[in-house]
Protein backbone atom coordinates (compact mmCIF):
# COMPACT_ATOMS: atom_id res chain seq x y z
CA MET A 1 -11.43 22.16 26.31
CA VAL A 2 -7.70 22.13 25.58
CA ARG A 3 -6.27 25.65 25.40
CA GLU A 4 -2.56 24.84 25.48
CA LEU A 5 -0.48 21.74 24.83
CA SER A 6 2.91 21.03 26.41
CA PHE A 7 4.74 19.61 23.41
CA ASN A 8 7.88 18.89 25.44
CA LYS A 9 5.91 16.36 27.48
CA LEU A 10 4.87 14.36 24.44
CA ALA A 11 6.38 10.96 23.74
CA PRO A 12 9.11 11.03 21.05
CA GLN A 13 6.91 9.02 18.66
CA ALA A 14 4.06 11.53 19.05
CA ILE A 15 6.45 14.39 18.31
CA LEU A 16 7.59 12.67 15.11
CA GLU A 17 4.05 11.80 14.00
CA ASN A 18 2.88 15.38 14.55
CA LYS A 19 5.87 16.92 12.72
CA LEU A 20 6.96 19.02 15.71
CA GLU A 21 10.72 18.36 15.63
CA GLY A 22 11.75 21.63 13.98
CA ILE A 23 9.51 23.66 16.29
CA LEU A 24 10.92 21.99 19.42
CA TYR A 25 14.51 22.39 18.22
CA CYS A 26 14.02 26.12 17.65
CA GLN A 27 12.50 26.46 21.12
CA ASN A 28 15.59 24.85 22.64
CA PRO A 29 18.59 24.66 20.25
CA GLU A 30 20.75 23.22 23.05
CA ASN A 31 18.69 20.04 22.79
CA SER A 32 20.25 18.35 19.77
CA ILE A 33 17.75 15.45 19.56
CA TYR A 34 15.80 17.14 16.77
CA LYS A 35 18.66 19.02 15.13
CA SER A 36 18.87 16.63 12.17
CA SER A 37 15.14 17.13 11.44
CA TRP A 38 15.61 20.90 11.66
CA ILE A 39 18.52 20.71 9.19
CA GLN A 40 16.43 18.60 6.80
CA ASN A 41 13.53 21.08 7.02
CA CYS A 42 15.94 23.96 6.44
CA ALA A 43 17.60 22.42 3.39
CA ARG A 44 14.30 21.38 1.86
CA ASN A 45 12.60 24.72 2.42
CA PHE A 46 15.50 26.75 0.99
CA ILE A 47 15.52 24.62 -2.18
CA VAL A 48 11.74 24.68 -2.58
CA ILE A 49 11.44 28.43 -1.95
CA GLU A 50 14.07 29.09 -4.61
CA GLU A 51 12.00 26.97 -7.03
CA ILE A 52 8.78 28.80 -6.09
CA GLU A 53 10.43 32.16 -6.72
CA THR A 54 11.64 31.01 -10.14
CA LEU A 55 8.15 29.81 -11.08
CA ALA A 56 6.58 33.06 -9.90
CA GLN A 57 9.12 35.12 -11.84
CA ASP A 58 8.46 33.13 -15.02
CA LEU A 59 4.68 33.53 -14.76
CA GLU A 60 4.59 37.19 -13.71
CA PRO A 61 4.97 38.56 -17.30
CA LYS A 62 1.84 36.55 -18.19
CA SER A 63 -0.10 38.36 -15.43
CA ILE A 64 -0.38 35.19 -13.36
CA SER A 65 0.03 35.51 -9.61
CA LEU A 66 1.10 32.52 -7.51
CA VAL A 67 -0.98 32.40 -4.33
CA LEU A 68 0.64 30.32 -1.61
CA LEU A 69 -1.47 28.30 0.81
CA LYS A 70 -0.63 26.81 4.21
CA GLY A 71 3.04 25.95 4.83
CA TYR A 72 4.93 28.16 2.40
CA ALA A 73 2.51 31.03 2.97
CA LEU A 74 3.58 30.94 6.63
CA ILE A 75 7.34 30.42 6.31
CA ASP A 76 9.32 33.68 6.66
CA ASP A 77 6.24 35.10 8.38
CA ILE A 78 4.98 33.34 11.51
CA TYR A 79 7.90 30.92 11.08
CA PRO A 80 10.95 33.21 10.73
CA ASN A 81 13.29 30.22 10.98
CA ARG A 82 13.05 28.14 7.80
CA GLY A 83 13.85 24.91 9.62
CA GLU A 84 10.97 25.25 12.03
CA ARG A 85 8.05 24.28 9.78
CA PHE A 86 7.88 20.91 8.05
CA CYS A 87 6.38 21.13 4.54
CA SER A 88 5.62 18.08 2.45
CA ASP A 89 4.53 19.97 -0.67
CA VAL A 90 3.74 23.36 -2.19
CA ASP A 91 0.06 24.30 -2.30
CA LEU A 92 -0.87 26.95 -4.86
CA LEU A 93 -4.30 28.47 -5.40
CA ILE A 94 -4.76 29.37 -9.06
CA ASP A 95 -7.42 30.90 -11.25
CA PRO A 96 -9.06 28.03 -13.20
CA GLN A 97 -8.66 30.13 -16.37
CA HIS A 98 -4.87 29.89 -15.93
CA SER A 99 -4.66 26.19 -15.08
CA GLU A 100 -3.78 24.98 -18.58
CA LEU A 101 -1.03 27.56 -19.00
CA ILE A 102 0.45 26.87 -15.54
CA GLU A 103 0.35 23.11 -16.08
CA LYS A 104 2.15 23.50 -19.41
CA HIS A 105 4.80 25.64 -17.76
CA LEU A 106 5.38 23.03 -15.05
CA LEU A 107 5.69 20.28 -17.65
CA ASP A 108 8.19 22.42 -19.60
CA ARG A 109 10.23 22.77 -16.41
CA GLY A 110 10.48 19.00 -16.05
CA TYR A 111 7.59 18.28 -13.71
CA ALA A 112 5.55 15.13 -14.21
CA LYS A 113 1.80 15.26 -13.67
CA GLN A 114 0.72 12.55 -11.24
CA LYS A 115 -2.15 10.29 -12.26
CA GLU A 116 -4.92 10.33 -9.67
CA LYS A 117 -8.39 8.88 -9.67
CA LYS A 118 -10.59 11.96 -9.52
CA TRP A 119 -13.49 12.05 -7.12
CA LEU A 120 -15.36 14.55 -4.93
CA GLY A 121 -12.46 15.00 -2.51
CA ASN A 122 -9.75 15.92 -5.04
CA PHE A 123 -11.44 17.03 -8.27
CA PHE A 124 -10.14 20.59 -7.78
CA LYS A 125 -6.48 19.58 -7.39
CA SER A 126 -3.68 18.57 -9.74
CA VAL A 127 -0.34 17.21 -8.50
CA PHE A 128 3.07 17.64 -10.14
CA GLU A 129 6.43 16.23 -9.07
CA LYS A 130 10.04 16.85 -9.97
CA LYS A 131 13.48 15.95 -8.60
CA ILE A 132 15.68 18.90 -7.64
CA HIS A 133 19.12 18.04 -6.18
CA SER A 134 17.82 14.51 -5.47
CA LEU A 135 14.92 16.07 -3.54
CA SER A 136 11.39 15.22 -4.64
CA VAL A 137 9.41 18.47 -4.95
CA THR A 138 5.62 18.22 -5.10
CA ILE A 139 3.36 21.05 -6.26
CA GLU A 140 -0.40 20.89 -5.81
CA LEU A 141 -2.48 23.25 -7.92
CA HIS A 142 -5.84 24.11 -6.35
CA THR A 143 -8.62 25.76 -8.33
CA GLN A 144 -10.71 26.19 -5.17
CA LEU A 145 -10.07 25.96 -1.43
CA PHE A 146 -12.48 23.20 -0.38
CA TRP A 147 -14.40 20.40 -2.07
CA HIS A 148 -17.82 21.23 -0.64
CA GLU A 149 -18.18 24.95 -1.38
CA ASN A 150 -16.57 26.94 -4.18
CA VAL A 151 -16.81 30.35 -2.53
CA SER A 152 -14.98 32.94 -4.61
CA VAL A 153 -11.91 34.49 -3.04
CA GLY A 154 -10.02 37.53 -4.24
CA LEU A 155 -7.29 36.54 -6.67
CA THR A 156 -6.36 39.95 -8.04
CA LYS A 157 -3.35 41.80 -6.67
CA VAL A 158 -5.74 44.28 -5.07
CA ASP A 159 -7.28 41.50 -2.94
CA LEU A 160 -4.09 39.60 -2.17
CA ILE A 161 -1.29 40.21 0.32
CA LYS A 162 2.26 40.16 -1.00
CA HIS A 163 4.34 37.51 0.75
CA LYS A 164 6.75 39.11 3.19
CA LYS A 165 9.90 37.49 1.80
CA ILE A 166 9.20 34.98 -0.97
CA LYS A 167 9.60 37.04 -4.13
CA ASN A 168 6.73 37.60 -6.57
CA CYS A 169 4.37 35.47 -4.47
CA PHE A 170 1.11 36.33 -2.75
CA CYS A 171 -1.13 35.13 0.06
CA LEU A 172 -4.87 35.38 0.66
CA SER A 173 -6.34 38.05 2.88
CA LEU A 174 -5.77 37.48 6.60
CA GLU A 175 -9.38 36.40 7.07
CA GLU A 176 -9.32 33.92 4.18
CA GLN A 177 -5.93 32.53 5.23
CA LEU A 178 -7.20 31.79 8.72
CA ILE A 179 -10.40 30.19 7.41
CA HIS A 180 -8.32 27.95 5.17
CA LEU A 181 -5.99 26.98 8.03
CA CYS A 182 -8.94 26.10 10.28
CA GLY A 183 -10.86 24.34 7.51
CA HIS A 184 -7.82 22.35 6.46
CA TYR A 185 -7.08 21.26 10.05
CA ALA A 186 -10.62 20.49 11.20
CA PHE A 187 -12.92 20.01 8.21
CA GLN A 188 -10.54 18.31 5.78
CA HIS A 189 -8.17 16.43 8.09
CA ASN A 190 -10.11 15.95 11.31
CA PHE A 191 -7.49 17.48 13.67
CA LEU A 192 -4.94 14.95 12.46
CA LYS A 193 -1.59 16.76 13.03
CA LEU A 194 -0.65 19.13 15.84
CA PHE A 195 1.68 21.23 13.71
CA TRP A 196 -1.41 22.50 11.87
CA LEU A 197 -2.76 23.68 15.23
CA VAL A 198 0.54 25.49 15.84
CA ASP A 199 -0.01 27.27 12.50
CA ILE A 200 -3.37 28.58 13.73
CA GLN A 201 -2.01 29.53 17.15
CA ARG A 202 0.88 31.54 15.74
CA PHE A 203 -1.19 33.15 13.01
CA VAL A 204 -3.76 34.45 15.49
CA GLU A 205 -1.05 35.52 17.96
CA LYS A 206 0.51 37.70 15.28
CA TYR A 207 -2.57 39.00 13.47
CA GLU A 208 -5.40 39.02 16.02
CA GLU A 209 -5.60 42.81 16.06
CA GLU A 210 -5.42 43.09 12.26
CA ILE A 211 -8.02 40.46 11.40
CA ASN A 212 -11.49 41.82 10.82
CA TRP A 213 -13.40 39.26 12.88
CA ASP A 214 -16.80 40.26 11.53
CA ILE A 215 -15.57 39.58 8.00
CA PHE A 216 -13.88 36.38 9.17
CA TRP A 217 -17.06 34.90 10.65
CA GLN A 218 -19.23 36.00 7.73
CA LYS A 219 -16.81 34.32 5.32
CA ALA A 220 -16.73 31.22 7.54
CA LEU A 221 -20.51 31.18 7.28
CA SER A 222 -20.29 31.45 3.47
CA PHE A 223 -17.79 28.58 3.36
CA LYS A 224 -20.03 26.61 5.74
CA LEU A 225 -17.10 26.21 8.10
CA LEU A 226 -18.48 27.81 11.25
CA ILE A 227 -18.06 24.71 13.42
CA SER A 228 -14.55 23.98 12.09
CA CYS A 229 -13.38 27.54 12.68
CA TYR A 230 -14.98 27.78 16.11
CA LEU A 231 -13.52 24.49 17.37
CA SER A 232 -10.04 25.23 15.94
CA LEU A 233 -9.91 28.65 17.57
CA SER A 234 -11.28 27.33 20.85
CA LEU A 235 -8.21 25.09 21.15
CA ILE A 236 -5.64 27.87 21.15
CA THR A 237 -4.71 30.37 23.84
CA THR A 238 -4.89 33.63 21.93
CA PRO A 239 -8.39 34.70 20.77
CA LYS A 240 -10.53 36.56 23.25
CA ASN A 241 -13.89 35.09 24.22
CA LYS A 242 -15.70 37.86 22.38
CA VAL A 243 -14.10 36.61 19.14
CA LEU A 244 -15.53 33.13 19.67
CA LYS A 245 -18.93 34.52 20.65
CA LYS A 246 -19.22 36.24 17.27
CA GLY A 247 -19.02 32.83 15.60
CA LEU A 248 -21.41 31.22 18.04
CA VAL A 249 -24.07 33.85 17.33
CA LEU A 250 -24.14 32.84 13.65
CA MET A 251 -24.76 29.16 14.39
CA SER A 252 -28.14 27.48 14.36
CA LEU A 253 -29.30 25.75 17.55
CA ARG A 254 -28.41 22.35 16.10
CA GLN A 255 -24.93 23.56 15.19
CA LYS A 256 -24.42 24.91 18.71
CA ILE A 257 -25.44 21.56 20.21
CA ARG A 258 -23.07 19.68 17.90
CA THR A 259 -20.27 22.12 18.65
CA CYS A 260 -20.75 21.67 22.40
CA PHE A 261 -20.72 17.88 22.03
CA LEU A 262 -17.66 17.84 19.77
CA SER A 263 -15.77 20.10 22.17
CA SER A 264 -15.93 17.31 24.74
CA ILE A 265 -14.08 14.98 22.34
CA LEU A 266 -11.20 17.39 21.72
CA ASN A 267 -9.07 16.66 24.76
CA GLU A 268 -5.28 16.51 24.76
CA SER A 269 -5.08 12.74 24.34
CA PHE A 270 -7.29 12.83 21.26
CA LEU A 271 -5.42 15.73 19.65
CA VAL A 272 -2.08 13.97 20.02
CA SER A 273 -3.31 10.84 18.22
CA PRO A 274 -6.83 11.20 16.78
CA ARG A 275 -6.88 7.90 14.91
CA SER A 276 -6.21 5.99 18.13
CA TYR A 277 -9.78 6.88 19.14
CA PHE A 278 -11.73 5.19 16.37
CA LEU A 279 -15.27 6.02 17.50
CA SER A 280 -14.49 9.62 18.50
CA TYR A 281 -12.52 10.20 15.30
CA HIS A 282 -15.33 9.08 12.99
CA THR A 283 -18.03 10.76 15.07
CA LEU A 284 -16.11 14.02 14.79
CA LYS A 285 -15.55 13.51 11.08
CA PHE A 286 -19.27 13.08 10.50
CA LEU A 287 -20.62 15.84 12.78
CA ILE A 288 -18.11 18.62 12.13
CA LYS A 289 -19.67 19.58 8.81
CA ASP A 290 -21.91 22.65 9.20
CA GLN A 291 -24.51 20.79 7.16
CA VAL A 292 -24.76 17.05 7.79
CA ARG A 293 -25.75 16.51 4.15
CA TYR A 294 -22.10 17.12 3.26
CA SER A 295 -21.14 14.17 5.44
CA PHE A 296 -23.55 11.87 3.63
CA LYS A 297 -22.40 13.24 0.29
CA TYR A 298 -18.74 12.69 1.14
CA MET A 299 -19.37 9.15 2.40
CA TYR A 300 -21.33 8.25 -0.72
CA PHE A 301 -18.69 9.49 -3.17
CA TRP A 302 -15.82 8.07 -1.09
CA PHE A 303 -17.45 4.63 -1.11
CA TYR A 304 -18.24 4.93 -4.84
CA SER A 305 -14.63 5.89 -5.66
CA LYS A 306 -13.27 2.94 -3.64
CA MET A 307 -15.65 0.55 -5.42
CA ALA A 308 -14.55 1.97 -8.79
CA GLN A 309 -10.88 1.44 -7.90
CA ASN A 310 -11.47 -2.17 -6.94
CA SER A 311 -13.59 -3.02 -9.99
């Protein structure tokens, strides 16, 4: 099992593909190879954060809270340097009751709603784009966290955590944030990019003592993401073994067997370039679901959507 990766030893192409340039530059600013990428990240993130703050300020009088997910929830927190973390878009979790009002507000601000063929994998998302200073800004509105289970999360200000620096914005509870990071990395994207693993590593390093691990694992069970959370956390250096054991206890025997088998796939070579290992990649994609029926369901609707597009 991989517990730590030496990013400096990666080939330049692997560093680019895994979006690690800003992280490596901040670790060693004297190495100017990745300075241009760091500058681009910095410029983009400053512009986008200013836009997020404006949106949040506009919607606050209507009692609508913007809940940041993933990248921009982590910037100015576990990523104090704004050039460190690459972000391709802004992910916002919204109350479905507010979706029409938020969409109208985005359209009024000059955003264009992107046309997407809806299917099982994206039915809960809407995508909006706008040019700001010649920069294309993409906002994804999510009405739930994952396609397979719509487990309710706290979206009132009592349940949410105020973002440390981005004004008028909120984040999920520590437990729900970590579940989403692990689920996004493992369940949704099959360990595709290493910078998502860095997110998990840094988040746990900072908040391990504050996270209620009993609540975390119970919520992971509710989301049916036990295997994804366990495997993601097993790859990083921070969590104590007793933390992982709490998740293992909640698994069925079949889930434990699958988890043990999948652990053998997750070596350093695979994590650097998962799609280079075709058989391992698709085996992992199929078996990582807590319930295999979700794999069959996903495959069926994916195939159906592709057939519909080609007809």
